[in-house]
């Protein structure tokens, strides 16, 4: 009569679960990230910059983080300016930086954040491709988002927020095109000048 093998005598099966975090022995602080679904995963950092919105295009502060999301380090990067040039009165940021926690932290320090809640321009006027199909508008339910949307609809906020694209986008265009620095995924937020002009 054949004997059944005991559990200890059976060979163990290889695990099929993936590790939660991949280690990089040459740069253990970096993380796996990609720019979009169309790009490959790469070991990388996310570089962020605070750019003066008065037209000078000066980089006032930088931060390098090991996450592809911009919002977790938003308040940290702005508040770190207290040790260098001082805190700004107003901060302009795109929708990637939208975070209720960050907005609350900045407001607690007397900083007025103007953060886009959704796409400000559903179809770019210089894009000659057919417009994409309209998606249903997402309902905004969080109180801070409702307040931010109302704030961004005021004329003063519109005037300030309009400066965001003309100040930060050229800075990153210069860094990537003219200087040839393309090895880092970059995101940005910036502050208006201290006098508000």
C-alpha atoms as a PDB file:
ATOM      1  CA  UNK A   1       0.000   0.000   0.000  1.00  0.00           C
ATOM      2  CA  UNK A   2       1.525   3.355  -1.053  1.00  0.00           C
ATOM      3  CA  UNK A   3       2.255   5.839   1.697  1.00  0.00           C
ATOM      4  CA  UNK A   4       1.022   9.397   1.539  1.00  0.00           C
ATOM      5  CA  UNK A   5       3.738  12.025   1.682  1.00  0.00           C
ATOM      6  CA  UNK A   6       3.671  14.233   4.735  1.00  0.00           C
ATOM      7  CA  UNK A   7       3.335  17.982   4.387  1.00  0.00           C
ATOM      8  CA  UNK A   8       6.966  18.451   5.397  1.00  0.00           C
ATOM      9  CA  UNK A   9       8.189  16.169   2.623  1.00  0.00           C
ATOM     10  CA  UNK A  10       6.289  17.962  -0.175  1.00  0.00           C
ATOM     11  CA  UNK A  11       8.249  20.481  -2.191  1.00  0.00           C
ATOM     12  CA  UNK A  12       7.118  24.057  -1.610  1.00  0.00           C
ATOM     13  CA  UNK A  13       5.429  25.939  -4.430  1.00  0.00           C
ATOM     14  CA  UNK A  14       7.060  29.106  -5.690  1.00  0.00           C
ATOM     15  CA  UNK A  15       5.158  32.237  -4.696  1.00  0.00           C
ATOM     16  CA  UNK A  16       3.432  34.068  -7.519  1.00  0.00           C
ATOM     17  CA  UNK A  17       2.777  37.339  -5.688  1.00  0.00           C
ATOM     18  CA  UNK A  18       4.806  40.350  -6.696  1.00  0.00           C
ATOM     19  CA  UNK A  19       6.737  42.306  -4.088  1.00  0.00           C
ATOM     20  CA  UNK A  20       5.051  45.529  -2.981  1.00  0.00           C
ATOM     21  CA  UNK A  21       8.218  47.509  -3.560  1.00  0.00           C
ATOM     22  CA  UNK A  22      11.120  46.822  -5.844  1.00  0.00           C
ATOM     23  CA  UNK A  23      14.550  47.685  -4.498  1.00  0.00           C
ATOM     24  CA  UNK A  24      17.193  49.350  -6.589  1.00  0.00           C
ATOM     25  CA  UNK A  25      20.645  48.574  -5.236  1.00  0.00           C
ATOM     26  CA  UNK A  26      22.314  51.553  -6.922  1.00  0.00           C
ATOM     27  CA  UNK A  27      19.646  54.094  -5.905  1.00  0.00           C
ATOM     28  CA  UNK A  28      17.472  52.706  -3.091  1.00  0.00           C
ATOM     29  CA  UNK A  29      15.601  55.999  -2.561  1.00  0.00           C
ATOM     30  CA  UNK A  30      14.087  56.055  -6.060  1.00  0.00           C
ATOM     31  CA  UNK A  31      10.790  54.406  -7.000  1.00  0.00           C
ATOM     32  CA  UNK A  32       9.184  52.717  -9.979  1.00  0.00           C
ATOM     33  CA  UNK A  33       7.042  55.215 -11.859  1.00  0.00           C
ATOM     34  CA  UNK A  34       5.856  56.124 -15.313  1.00  0.00           C
ATOM     35  CA  UNK A  35       4.579  59.294 -16.940  1.00  0.00           C
ATOM     36  CA  UNK A  36       1.387  57.738 -18.279  1.00  0.00           C
ATOM     37  CA  UNK A  37      -0.162  54.427 -19.274  1.00  0.00           C
ATOM     38  CA  UNK A  38       1.629  54.720 -22.621  1.00  0.00           C
ATOM     39  CA  UNK A  39       5.095  54.800 -21.023  1.00  0.00           C
ATOM     40  CA  UNK A  40       7.231  52.099 -19.439  1.00  0.00           C
ATOM     41  CA  UNK A  41       7.935  51.913 -15.725  1.00  0.00           C
ATOM     42  CA  UNK A  42      11.333  53.335 -14.812  1.00  0.00           C
ATOM     43  CA  UNK A  43      13.260  53.782 -11.619  1.00  0.00           C
ATOM     44  CA  UNK A  44      12.885  57.528 -11.077  1.00  0.00           C
ATOM     45  CA  UNK A  45      12.107  60.563  -8.954  1.00  0.00           C
ATOM     46  CA  UNK A  46       9.560  63.348  -9.396  1.00  0.00           C
ATOM     47  CA  UNK A  47      11.181  66.783  -9.549  1.00  0.00           C
ATOM     48  CA  UNK A  48       9.064  69.723  -8.459  1.00  0.00           C
ATOM     49  CA  UNK A  49       9.807  73.414  -8.678  1.00  0.00           C
ATOM     50  CA  UNK A  50       8.305  76.592  -7.287  1.00  0.00           C
ATOM     51  CA  UNK A  51       8.577  79.328  -9.918  1.00  0.00           C
ATOM     52  CA  UNK A  52       8.004  83.056  -9.398  1.00  0.00           C
ATOM     53  CA  UNK A  53       4.896  84.101 -11.338  1.00  0.00           C
ATOM     54  CA  UNK A  54       5.851  87.748 -11.858  1.00  0.00           C
ATOM     55  CA  UNK A  55       7.398  86.954 -15.227  1.00  0.00           C
ATOM     56  CA  UNK A  56      11.007  86.610 -14.008  1.00  0.00           C
ATOM     57  CA  UNK A  57      10.719  82.797 -14.225  1.00  0.00           C
ATOM     58  CA  UNK A  58      13.076  82.376 -11.271  1.00  0.00           C
ATOM     59  CA  UNK A  59      13.045  78.983  -9.602  1.00  0.00           C
ATOM     60  CA  UNK A  60      12.447  79.785  -5.932  1.00  0.00           C
ATOM     61  CA  UNK A  61      12.433  76.265  -4.489  1.00  0.00           C
ATOM     62  CA  UNK A  62      12.758  72.665  -5.589  1.00  0.00           C
ATOM     63  CA  UNK A  63      11.921  69.265  -4.205  1.00  0.00           C
ATOM     64  CA  UNK A  64      12.744  65.747  -5.319  1.00  0.00           C
ATOM     65  CA  UNK A  65      10.361  62.993  -4.220  1.00  0.00           C
ATOM     66  CA  UNK A  66      10.057  59.283  -4.872  1.00  0.00           C
ATOM     67  CA  UNK A  67       6.380  59.269  -5.771  1.00  0.00           C
ATOM     68  CA  UNK A  68       4.675  59.987  -9.062  1.00  0.00           C
ATOM     69  CA  UNK A  69       1.830  61.843  -7.335  1.00  0.00           C
ATOM     70  CA  UNK A  70       2.372  65.581  -6.852  1.00  0.00           C
ATOM     71  CA  UNK A  71      -0.103  66.271  -4.065  1.00  0.00           C
ATOM     72  CA  UNK A  72       1.636  64.480  -1.133  1.00  0.00           C
ATOM     73  CA  UNK A  73       4.651  66.837  -1.218  1.00  0.00           C
ATOM     74  CA  UNK A  74       2.821  70.028  -2.252  1.00  0.00           C
ATOM     75  CA  UNK A  75       2.520  71.675   1.176  1.00  0.00           C
ATOM     76  CA  UNK A  76       5.917  70.364   2.297  1.00  0.00           C
ATOM     77  CA  UNK A  77       7.691  72.011  -0.650  1.00  0.00           C
ATOM     78  CA  UNK A  78       5.970  75.371  -0.176  1.00  0.00           C
ATOM     79  CA  UNK A  79       6.399  75.427   3.621  1.00  0.00           C
ATOM     80  CA  UNK A  80      10.117  74.604   3.273  1.00  0.00           C
ATOM     81  CA  UNK A  81      10.506  78.051   1.697  1.00  0.00           C
ATOM     82  CA  UNK A  82      10.190  79.521   5.224  1.00  0.00           C
ATOM     83  CA  UNK A  83      13.842  78.568   5.829  1.00  0.00           C
ATOM     84  CA  UNK A  84      15.102  80.170   2.617  1.00  0.00           C
ATOM     85  CA  UNK A  85      13.293  83.124   1.021  1.00  0.00           C
ATOM     86  CA  UNK A  86      10.143  83.182   3.149  1.00  0.00           C
ATOM     87  CA  UNK A  87       6.603  82.018   2.591  1.00  0.00           C
ATOM     88  CA  UNK A  88       4.550  83.335  -0.329  1.00  0.00           C
ATOM     89  CA  UNK A  89       1.133  84.931   0.112  1.00  0.00           C
ATOM     90  CA  UNK A  90      -0.473  83.071  -2.829  1.00  0.00           C
ATOM     91  CA  UNK A  91       0.381  79.749  -4.507  1.00  0.00           C
ATOM     92  CA  UNK A  92      -0.891  78.703  -7.949  1.00  0.00           C
ATOM     93  CA  UNK A  93      -1.016  74.980  -8.725  1.00  0.00           C
ATOM     94  CA  UNK A  94      -2.514  72.676 -11.319  1.00  0.00           C
ATOM     95  CA  UNK A  95      -4.989  69.908 -10.573  1.00  0.00           C
ATOM     96  CA  UNK A  96      -2.259  67.339  -9.863  1.00  0.00           C
ATOM     97  CA  UNK A  97      -1.515  69.162  -6.609  1.00  0.00           C
ATOM     98  CA  UNK A  98      -5.157  69.229  -5.465  1.00  0.00           C
ATOM     99  CA  UNK A  99      -5.264  67.917  -1.912  1.00  0.00           C
ATOM    100  CA  UNK A 100      -7.520  68.980   0.942  1.00  0.00           C
ATOM    101  CA  UNK A 101      -4.781  68.276   3.475  1.00  0.00           C
ATOM    102  CA  UNK A 102      -2.229  70.412   1.608  1.00  0.00           C
ATOM    103  CA  UNK A 103      -4.702  73.263   1.130  1.00  0.00           C
ATOM    104  CA  UNK A 104      -5.519  73.228   4.866  1.00  0.00           C
ATOM    105  CA  UNK A 105      -1.809  73.242   5.821  1.00  0.00           C
ATOM    106  CA  UNK A 106      -1.057  76.168   3.531  1.00  0.00           C
ATOM    107  CA  UNK A 107      -4.083  78.151   4.734  1.00  0.00           C
ATOM    108  CA  UNK A 108      -3.019  77.503   8.360  1.00  0.00           C
ATOM    109  CA  UNK A 109       0.248  79.319   7.540  1.00  0.00           C
ATOM    110  CA  UNK A 110      -1.538  82.301   5.956  1.00  0.00           C
ATOM    111  CA  UNK A 111      -0.934  81.202   2.356  1.00  0.00           C
ATOM    112  CA  UNK A 112      -3.781  81.399  -0.148  1.00  0.00           C
ATOM    113  CA  UNK A 113      -3.617  78.376  -2.460  1.00  0.00           C
ATOM    114  CA  UNK A 114      -5.300  78.589  -5.864  1.00  0.00           C
ATOM    115  CA  UNK A 115      -5.429  74.981  -7.029  1.00  0.00           C
ATOM    116  CA  UNK A 116      -7.302  73.831 -10.119  1.00  0.00           C
ATOM    117  CA  UNK A 117     -10.045  71.355  -9.275  1.00  0.00           C
ATOM    118  CA  UNK A 118     -10.449  69.948 -12.779  1.00  0.00           C
ATOM    119  CA  UNK A 119      -9.253  70.607 -16.271  1.00  0.00           C
ATOM    120  CA  UNK A 120      -9.301  74.325 -16.877  1.00  0.00           C
ATOM    121  CA  UNK A 121      -9.405  73.857 -20.651  1.00  0.00           C
ATOM    122  CA  UNK A 122     -11.158  70.707 -21.889  1.00  0.00           C
ATOM    123  CA  UNK A 123      -9.781  71.120 -25.437  1.00  0.00           C
ATOM    124  CA  UNK A 124      -6.695  73.158 -26.250  1.00  0.00           C
ATOM    125  CA  UNK A 125      -7.390  75.859 -28.857  1.00  0.00           C
ATOM    126  CA  UNK A 126      -4.170  75.069 -30.780  1.00  0.00           C
ATOM    127  CA  UNK A 127      -4.928  71.320 -30.953  1.00  0.00           C
ATOM    128  CA  UNK A 128      -6.272  70.679 -34.435  1.00  0.00           C
ATOM    129  CA  UNK A 129      -7.270  67.068 -33.812  1.00  0.00           C
ATOM    130  CA  UNK A 130     -10.981  66.352 -33.421  1.00  0.00           C
ATOM    131  CA  UNK A 131     -12.079  67.079 -29.850  1.00  0.00           C
ATOM    132  CA  UNK A 132     -12.405  64.035 -27.587  1.00  0.00           C
ATOM    133  CA  UNK A 133     -15.834  62.742 -26.612  1.00  0.00           C
ATOM    134  CA  UNK A 134     -17.371  64.684 -23.755  1.00  0.00           C
ATOM    135  CA  UNK A 135     -17.208  62.926 -20.395  1.00  0.00           C
ATOM    136  CA  UNK A 136     -19.830  63.337 -17.731  1.00  0.00           C
ATOM    137  CA  UNK A 137     -18.902  66.089 -15.291  1.00  0.00           C
ATOM    138  CA  UNK A 138     -17.661  64.646 -12.016  1.00  0.00           C
ATOM    139  CA  UNK A 139     -19.703  65.798  -9.032  1.00  0.00           C
ATOM    140  CA  UNK A 140     -17.672  67.816  -6.555  1.00  0.00           C
ATOM    141  CA  UNK A 141     -18.712  66.906  -3.011  1.00  0.00           C
ATOM    142  CA  UNK A 142     -15.786  67.743  -0.741  1.00  0.00           C
ATOM    143  CA  UNK A 143     -16.264  71.131   0.972  1.00  0.00           C
ATOM    144  CA  UNK A 144     -12.707  72.324   0.269  1.00  0.00           C
ATOM    145  CA  UNK A 145     -13.122  71.568  -3.448  1.00  0.00           C
ATOM    146  CA  UNK A 146     -16.448  73.434  -3.572  1.00  0.00           C
ATOM    147  CA  UNK A 147     -14.820  76.424  -1.834  1.00  0.00           C
ATOM    148  CA  UNK A 148     -11.793  76.284  -4.160  1.00  0.00           C
ATOM    149  CA  UNK A 149     -13.984  76.194  -7.264  1.00  0.00           C
ATOM    150  CA  UNK A 150     -15.933  79.227  -6.015  1.00  0.00           C
ATOM    151  CA  UNK A 151     -12.674  81.061  -5.252  1.00  0.00           C
ATOM    152  CA  UNK A 152     -11.264  80.285  -8.721  1.00  0.00           C
ATOM    153  CA  UNK A 153     -14.380  81.762 -10.354  1.00  0.00           C
ATOM    154  CA  UNK A 154     -13.658  85.241  -8.935  1.00  0.00           C
ATOM    155  CA  UNK A 155     -12.011  87.765 -11.286  1.00  0.00           C
ATOM    156  CA  UNK A 156      -8.990  88.276  -8.979  1.00  0.00           C
ATOM    157  CA  UNK A 157      -8.291  84.537  -8.825  1.00  0.00           C
ATOM    158  CA  UNK A 158      -8.766  84.152 -12.591  1.00  0.00           C
ATOM    159  CA  UNK A 159      -6.254  86.946 -13.210  1.00  0.00           C
ATOM    160  CA  UNK A 160      -3.690  85.367 -10.882  1.00  0.00           C
ATOM    161  CA  UNK A 161      -4.256  81.792 -12.032  1.00  0.00           C
ATOM    162  CA  UNK A 162      -3.833  82.778 -15.671  1.00  0.00           C
ATOM    163  CA  UNK A 163      -0.156  83.423 -14.880  1.00  0.00           C
ATOM    164  CA  UNK A 164       0.482  79.753 -14.040  1.00  0.00           C
ATOM    165  CA  UNK A 165       0.933  78.494 -17.588  1.00  0.00           C
ATOM    166  CA  UNK A 166       2.999  81.438 -18.778  1.00  0.00           C
ATOM    167  CA  UNK A 167       5.462  81.170 -15.901  1.00  0.00           C
ATOM    168  CA  UNK A 168       6.131  77.518 -15.164  1.00  0.00           C
ATOM    169  CA  UNK A 169       5.685  75.836 -18.531  1.00  0.00           C
ATOM    170  CA  UNK A 170       8.429  77.912 -20.239  1.00  0.00           C
ATOM    171  CA  UNK A 171      10.815  77.111 -17.359  1.00  0.00           C
ATOM    172  CA  UNK A 172      10.391  73.383 -17.857  1.00  0.00           C
ATOM    173  CA  UNK A 173      10.529  73.844 -21.627  1.00  0.00           C
ATOM    174  CA  UNK A 174      13.922  75.530 -21.260  1.00  0.00           C
ATOM    175  CA  UNK A 175      15.172  72.828 -18.889  1.00  0.00           C
ATOM    176  CA  UNK A 176      14.090  69.965 -21.164  1.00  0.00           C
ATOM    177  CA  UNK A 177      14.631  71.416 -24.656  1.00  0.00           C
ATOM    178  CA  UNK A 178      17.385  74.007 -24.469  1.00  0.00           C
ATOM    179  CA  UNK A 179      19.414  72.377 -21.701  1.00  0.00           C
ATOM    180  CA  UNK A 180      18.690  68.793 -22.772  1.00  0.00           C
ATOM    181  CA  UNK A 181      17.685  67.612 -19.301  1.00  0.00           C
ATOM    182  CA  UNK A 182      15.110  64.901 -19.986  1.00  0.00           C
ATOM    183  CA  UNK A 183      15.984  62.222 -17.437  1.00  0.00           C
ATOM    184  CA  UNK A 184      13.566  63.405 -14.777  1.00  0.00           C
ATOM    185  CA  UNK A 185       9.748  63.563 -14.764  1.00  0.00           C
ATOM    186  CA  UNK A 186       8.941  67.141 -13.769  1.00  0.00           C
ATOM    187  CA  UNK A 187       5.841  68.750 -12.284  1.00  0.00           C
ATOM    188  CA  UNK A 188       5.414  72.297 -11.085  1.00  0.00           C
ATOM    189  CA  UNK A 189       3.702  74.863  -8.975  1.00  0.00           C
ATOM    190  CA  UNK A 190       4.630  78.469  -8.468  1.00  0.00           C
ATOM    191  CA  UNK A 191       3.954  81.549  -6.399  1.00  0.00           C
ATOM    192  CA  UNK A 192       3.013  85.043  -7.484  1.00  0.00           C
ATOM    193  CA  UNK A 193       5.493  87.766  -6.525  1.00  0.00           C
ATOM    194  CA  UNK A 194       5.323  89.124  -2.948  1.00  0.00           C
ATOM    195  CA  UNK A 195       3.553  92.349  -4.012  1.00  0.00           C
ATOM    196  CA  UNK A 196       0.774  90.413  -5.813  1.00  0.00           C
ATOM    197  CA  UNK A 197       1.521  91.821  -9.296  1.00  0.00           C
END
